[in-house]
């Protein structure tokens, strides 16, 4: 198996995803979209720490069983 890394402009992402989707059944086993925007990653990291304290508590334990796949 080989891995290919593509760097695509945001405006062109839909075009590339359409191409990948048409190939997926016969050629591509897996693909994922990684966002390399540093600002967005920083925001996500900061938000996750705050949200963990809100979402990861005993009150939500009853609902966790519905989220597990």
Protein backbone atom coordinates (compact mmCIF):
# COMPACT_ATOMS: atom_id res chain seq x y z
CA UNK A 1 0.00 0.00 0.00
CA UNK A 2 1.17 3.54 -0.75
CA UNK A 3 0.15 6.91 0.68
CA UNK A 4 -0.24 10.13 -1.26
CA UNK A 5 -0.44 13.54 0.41
CA UNK A 6 -2.27 16.26 -1.51
CA UNK A 7 -2.32 19.93 -0.59
CA UNK A 8 -5.45 21.52 -2.03
CA UNK A 9 -6.79 25.07 -1.91
CA UNK A 10 -10.05 25.35 0.02
CA UNK A 11 -11.90 26.52 -3.09
CA UNK A 12 -10.80 23.41 -5.02
CA UNK A 13 -11.49 20.83 -2.30
CA UNK A 14 -14.93 19.88 -3.63
CA UNK A 15 -13.46 19.07 -7.05
CA UNK A 16 -10.80 16.82 -5.54
CA UNK A 17 -13.34 15.11 -3.26
CA UNK A 18 -15.58 14.37 -6.26
CA UNK A 19 -12.64 12.73 -8.03
CA UNK A 20 -11.70 10.72 -4.94
CA UNK A 21 -15.29 9.60 -4.38
CA UNK A 22 -15.54 8.33 -7.96
CA UNK A 23 -12.35 6.31 -7.45
CA UNK A 24 -13.03 5.13 -3.91
CA UNK A 25 -14.81 1.86 -4.69
CA UNK A 26 -12.12 0.43 -6.94
CA UNK A 27 -8.90 2.23 -6.06
CA UNK A 28 -8.85 4.14 -2.77
CA UNK A 29 -9.22 2.27 0.52
CA UNK A 30 -9.36 5.28 2.83
CA UNK A 31 -9.08 9.04 2.77
CA UNK A 32 -9.37 11.81 5.31
CA UNK A 33 -9.33 15.57 5.22
CA UNK A 34 -6.82 17.27 7.48
CA UNK A 35 -7.08 20.98 8.12
CA UNK A 36 -3.67 22.60 8.47
CA UNK A 37 -4.83 26.07 9.40
CA UNK A 38 -2.85 26.94 12.51
CA UNK A 39 -5.40 29.43 13.84
CA UNK A 40 -8.21 26.95 13.54
CA UNK A 41 -6.18 24.21 15.23
CA UNK A 42 -5.31 26.56 18.10
CA UNK A 43 -8.97 27.47 18.54
CA UNK A 44 -10.00 23.82 18.55
CA UNK A 45 -7.35 22.92 21.14
CA UNK A 46 -8.38 25.76 23.44
CA UNK A 47 -12.08 24.98 23.04
CA UNK A 48 -11.64 21.26 23.65
CA UNK A 49 -10.08 21.79 27.06
CA UNK A 50 -12.96 24.02 28.16
CA UNK A 51 -15.65 21.81 26.66
CA UNK A 52 -14.20 18.65 28.25
CA UNK A 53 -14.93 20.06 31.70
CA UNK A 54 -18.52 20.77 30.67
CA UNK A 55 -19.21 17.59 28.70
CA UNK A 56 -17.18 15.04 30.63
CA UNK A 57 -19.15 14.80 33.81
CA UNK A 58 -21.41 12.31 35.62
CA UNK A 59 -24.55 14.03 34.38
CA UNK A 60 -23.75 13.04 30.81
CA UNK A 61 -22.86 9.43 31.62
CA UNK A 62 -26.42 8.30 30.90
CA UNK A 63 -26.16 9.66 27.36
CA UNK A 64 -22.66 8.34 26.63
CA UNK A 65 -23.96 4.85 25.84
CA UNK A 66 -25.90 6.30 22.88
CA UNK A 67 -22.79 7.97 21.46
CA UNK A 68 -20.54 4.88 21.40
CA UNK A 69 -20.35 3.11 18.08
